[in-house]
Amino acid sequence: MTQIPASSDRQFTHDSEIWHSLKYAIAASSGFQRWQLEHEIQSQGLRLEQQVQRYLRETLETLAY
């Protein structure tokens, strides 16, 4: 069986830390907060991660037009 090098574990930890910081930076942005109000997201009971993912997906879809 192939072993995964330990460096990939460090990379995963680093990536997770970056995503965590990015997620909270996005959540603090005025655009995200306006999007939450417009879509009544907070009343839907979604976790912050789900909200940020949905916001990013919808924003990218809008930009794709």
N, C-alpha and C. Protein backbone atom coordinates (compact mmCIF):
# COMPACT_ATOMS: atom_id res chain seq x y z
N MET A 1 0.84 -1.17 0.00
CA MET A 1 0.00 0.00 0.00
C MET A 1 0.89 1.24 0.00
N THR A 2 0.50 2.24 -0.76
CA THR A 2 1.26 3.46 -0.87
C THR A 2 0.99 4.34 0.35
N GLN A 3 2.06 4.87 0.92
CA GLN A 3 1.92 5.77 2.06
C GLN A 3 1.89 7.21 1.56
N ILE A 4 1.07 8.00 2.19
CA ILE A 4 1.00 9.42 1.86
C ILE A 4 2.11 10.12 2.63
N PRO A 5 2.91 10.92 1.95
CA PRO A 5 3.98 11.61 2.65
C PRO A 5 3.45 12.55 3.72
N ALA A 6 4.21 12.72 4.77
CA ALA A 6 3.82 13.58 5.88
C ALA A 6 3.63 15.03 5.43
N SER A 7 4.35 15.42 4.38
CA SER A 7 4.23 16.81 3.91
C SER A 7 2.81 17.11 3.42
N SER A 8 2.10 16.10 2.91
CA SER A 8 0.72 16.33 2.47
C SER A 8 -0.18 16.64 3.65
N ASP A 9 0.11 16.05 4.81
CA ASP A 9 -0.66 16.35 6.01
C ASP A 9 -0.45 17.80 6.42
N ARG A 10 0.79 18.26 6.32
CA ARG A 10 1.08 19.66 6.64
C ARG A 10 0.39 20.58 5.64
N GLN A 11 0.38 20.21 4.37
CA GLN A 11 -0.27 21.02 3.35
C GLN A 11 -1.76 21.10 3.60
N PHE A 12 -2.36 19.96 3.97
CA PHE A 12 -3.79 19.95 4.27
C PHE A 12 -4.10 20.86 5.44
N THR A 13 -3.28 20.81 6.49
CA THR A 13 -3.47 21.67 7.65
C THR A 13 -3.35 23.13 7.24
N HIS A 14 -2.36 23.43 6.42
CA HIS A 14 -2.16 24.80 5.95
C HIS A 14 -3.35 25.26 5.11
N ASP A 15 -3.82 24.41 4.21
CA ASP A 15 -4.98 24.74 3.39
C ASP A 15 -6.22 24.97 4.25
N SER A 16 -6.40 24.15 5.28
CA SER A 16 -7.54 24.30 6.18
C SER A 16 -7.48 25.62 6.92
N GLU A 17 -6.28 26.00 7.34
CA GLU A 17 -6.11 27.28 8.04
C GLU A 17 -6.44 28.45 7.11
N ILE A 18 -6.00 28.35 5.86
CA ILE A 18 -6.29 29.40 4.88
C ILE A 18 -7.78 29.49 4.65
N TRP A 19 -8.46 28.35 4.44
CA TRP A 19 -9.90 28.36 4.21
C TRP A 19 -10.64 28.95 5.40
N HIS A 20 -10.21 28.59 6.61
CA HIS A 20 -10.84 29.10 7.82
C HIS A 20 -10.74 30.63 7.86
N SER A 21 -9.57 31.16 7.60
CA SER A 21 -9.37 32.61 7.60
C SER A 21 -10.16 33.28 6.49
N LEU A 22 -10.14 32.69 5.32
CA LEU A 22 -10.86 33.24 4.18
C LEU A 22 -12.37 33.25 4.42
N LYS A 23 -12.86 32.17 4.98
CA LYS A 23 -14.30 32.05 5.27
C LYS A 23 -14.76 33.18 6.19
N TYR A 24 -13.99 33.47 7.23
CA TYR A 24 -14.38 34.52 8.16
C TYR A 24 -14.18 35.91 7.56
N ALA A 25 -13.20 36.07 6.70
CA ALA A 25 -13.02 37.35 6.02
C ALA A 25 -14.20 37.62 5.08
N ILE A 26 -14.64 36.59 4.37
CA ILE A 26 -15.80 36.73 3.47
C ILE A 26 -17.04 37.05 4.29
N ALA A 27 -17.23 36.35 5.40
CA ALA A 27 -18.42 36.55 6.23
C ALA A 27 -18.47 37.96 6.81
N ALA A 28 -17.32 38.58 6.99
CA ALA A 28 -17.28 39.94 7.54
C ALA A 28 -17.48 41.01 6.47
N SER A 29 -17.47 40.61 5.20
CA SER A 29 -17.58 41.59 4.12
C SER A 29 -19.00 42.13 3.99
N SER A 30 -19.10 43.36 3.55
CA SER A 30 -20.42 43.98 3.38
C SER A 30 -21.22 43.28 2.28
N GLY A 31 -20.56 42.80 1.24
CA GLY A 31 -21.25 42.10 0.17
C GLY A 31 -21.91 40.83 0.66
N PHE A 32 -21.20 40.07 1.48
CA PHE A 32 -21.75 38.84 2.03
C PHE A 32 -22.93 39.15 2.96
N GLN A 33 -22.77 40.16 3.79
CA GLN A 33 -23.83 40.50 4.73
C GLN A 33 -25.08 41.00 4.01
N ARG A 34 -24.90 41.75 2.93
CA ARG A 34 -26.04 42.20 2.12
C ARG A 34 -26.71 40.99 1.46
N TRP A 35 -25.91 40.08 0.94
CA TRP A 35 -26.43 38.86 0.31
C TRP A 35 -27.26 38.06 1.31
N GLN A 36 -26.76 37.95 2.56
CA GLN A 36 -27.52 37.23 3.59
C GLN A 36 -28.90 37.85 3.80
N LEU A 37 -28.94 39.16 3.88
CA LEU A 37 -30.22 39.85 4.10
C LEU A 37 -31.16 39.66 2.91
N GLU A 38 -30.62 39.81 1.71
CA GLU A 38 -31.45 39.68 0.51
C GLU A 38 -32.04 38.28 0.35
N HIS A 39 -31.29 37.28 0.78
CA HIS A 39 -31.73 35.90 0.60
C HIS A 39 -32.30 35.28 1.89
N GLU A 40 -32.38 36.08 2.94
CA GLU A 40 -32.86 35.59 4.24
C GLU A 40 -32.16 34.30 4.64
N ILE A 41 -30.87 34.30 4.45
CA ILE A 41 -30.05 33.10 4.68
C ILE A 41 -30.00 32.70 6.15
N GLN A 42 -29.88 33.68 7.03
CA GLN A 42 -29.73 33.34 8.45
C GLN A 42 -30.93 32.57 8.99
N SER A 43 -32.10 32.79 8.43
CA SER A 43 -33.29 32.09 8.91
C SER A 43 -33.35 30.66 8.37
N GLN A 44 -32.47 30.30 7.45
CA GLN A 44 -32.48 28.96 6.87
C GLN A 44 -31.68 27.96 7.70
N GLY A 45 -30.98 28.43 8.72
CA GLY A 45 -30.25 27.54 9.60
C GLY A 45 -29.02 26.90 9.00
N LEU A 46 -28.44 27.52 7.98
CA LEU A 46 -27.23 26.97 7.36
C LEU A 46 -26.01 27.32 8.19
N ARG A 47 -25.05 26.41 8.23
CA ARG A 47 -23.77 26.70 8.89
C ARG A 47 -23.04 27.77 8.09
N LEU A 48 -22.14 28.49 8.75
CA LEU A 48 -21.39 29.54 8.08
C LEU A 48 -20.67 29.01 6.85
N GLU A 49 -20.09 27.85 6.95
CA GLU A 49 -19.38 27.27 5.80
C GLU A 49 -20.33 27.08 4.61
N GLN A 50 -21.53 26.58 4.87
CA GLN A 50 -22.51 26.39 3.80
C GLN A 50 -22.93 27.73 3.20
N GLN A 51 -23.10 28.73 4.06
CA GLN A 51 -23.48 30.05 3.58
C GLN A 51 -22.40 30.63 2.67
N VAL A 52 -21.15 30.55 3.10
CA VAL A 52 -20.04 31.10 2.32
C VAL A 52 -19.92 30.37 0.99
N GLN A 53 -20.04 29.05 1.01
CA GLN A 53 -19.96 28.28 -0.24
C GLN A 53 -21.08 28.68 -1.20
N ARG A 54 -22.27 28.84 -0.68
CA ARG A 54 -23.41 29.23 -1.53
C ARG A 54 -23.20 30.65 -2.08
N TYR A 55 -22.74 31.55 -1.23
CA TYR A 55 -22.46 32.93 -1.65
C TYR A 55 -21.42 32.94 -2.77
N LEU A 56 -20.33 32.20 -2.59
CA LEU A 56 -19.28 32.16 -3.61
C LEU A 56 -19.80 31.55 -4.91
N ARG A 57 -20.57 30.49 -4.82
CA ARG A 57 -21.11 29.84 -6.02
C ARG A 57 -22.03 30.81 -6.78
N GLU A 58 -22.93 31.47 -6.05
CA GLU A 58 -23.86 32.40 -6.70
C GLU A 58 -23.12 33.61 -7.28
N THR A 59 -22.12 34.09 -6.57
CA THR A 59 -21.33 35.22 -7.07
C THR A 59 -20.59 34.85 -8.34
N LEU A 60 -19.99 33.67 -8.37
CA LEU A 60 -19.27 33.23 -9.56
C LEU A 60 -20.22 32.99 -10.73
N GLU A 61 -21.41 32.46 -10.44
CA GLU A 61 -22.40 32.26 -11.50
C GLU A 61 -22.82 33.59 -12.10
N THR A 62 -22.99 34.59 -11.25
CA THR A 62 -23.36 35.93 -11.72
C THR A 62 -22.25 36.52 -12.58
N LEU A 63 -21.03 36.35 -12.17
CA LEU A 63 -19.90 36.87 -12.93
C LEU A 63 -19.71 36.16 -14.27
N ALA A 64 -20.19 34.92 -14.34
CA ALA A 64 -20.02 34.13 -15.56
C ALA A 64 -20.92 34.62 -16.70
N TYR A 65 -21.96 35.39 -16.38
CA TYR A 65 -22.88 35.85 -17.41
C TYR A 65 -22.25 36.89 -18.27
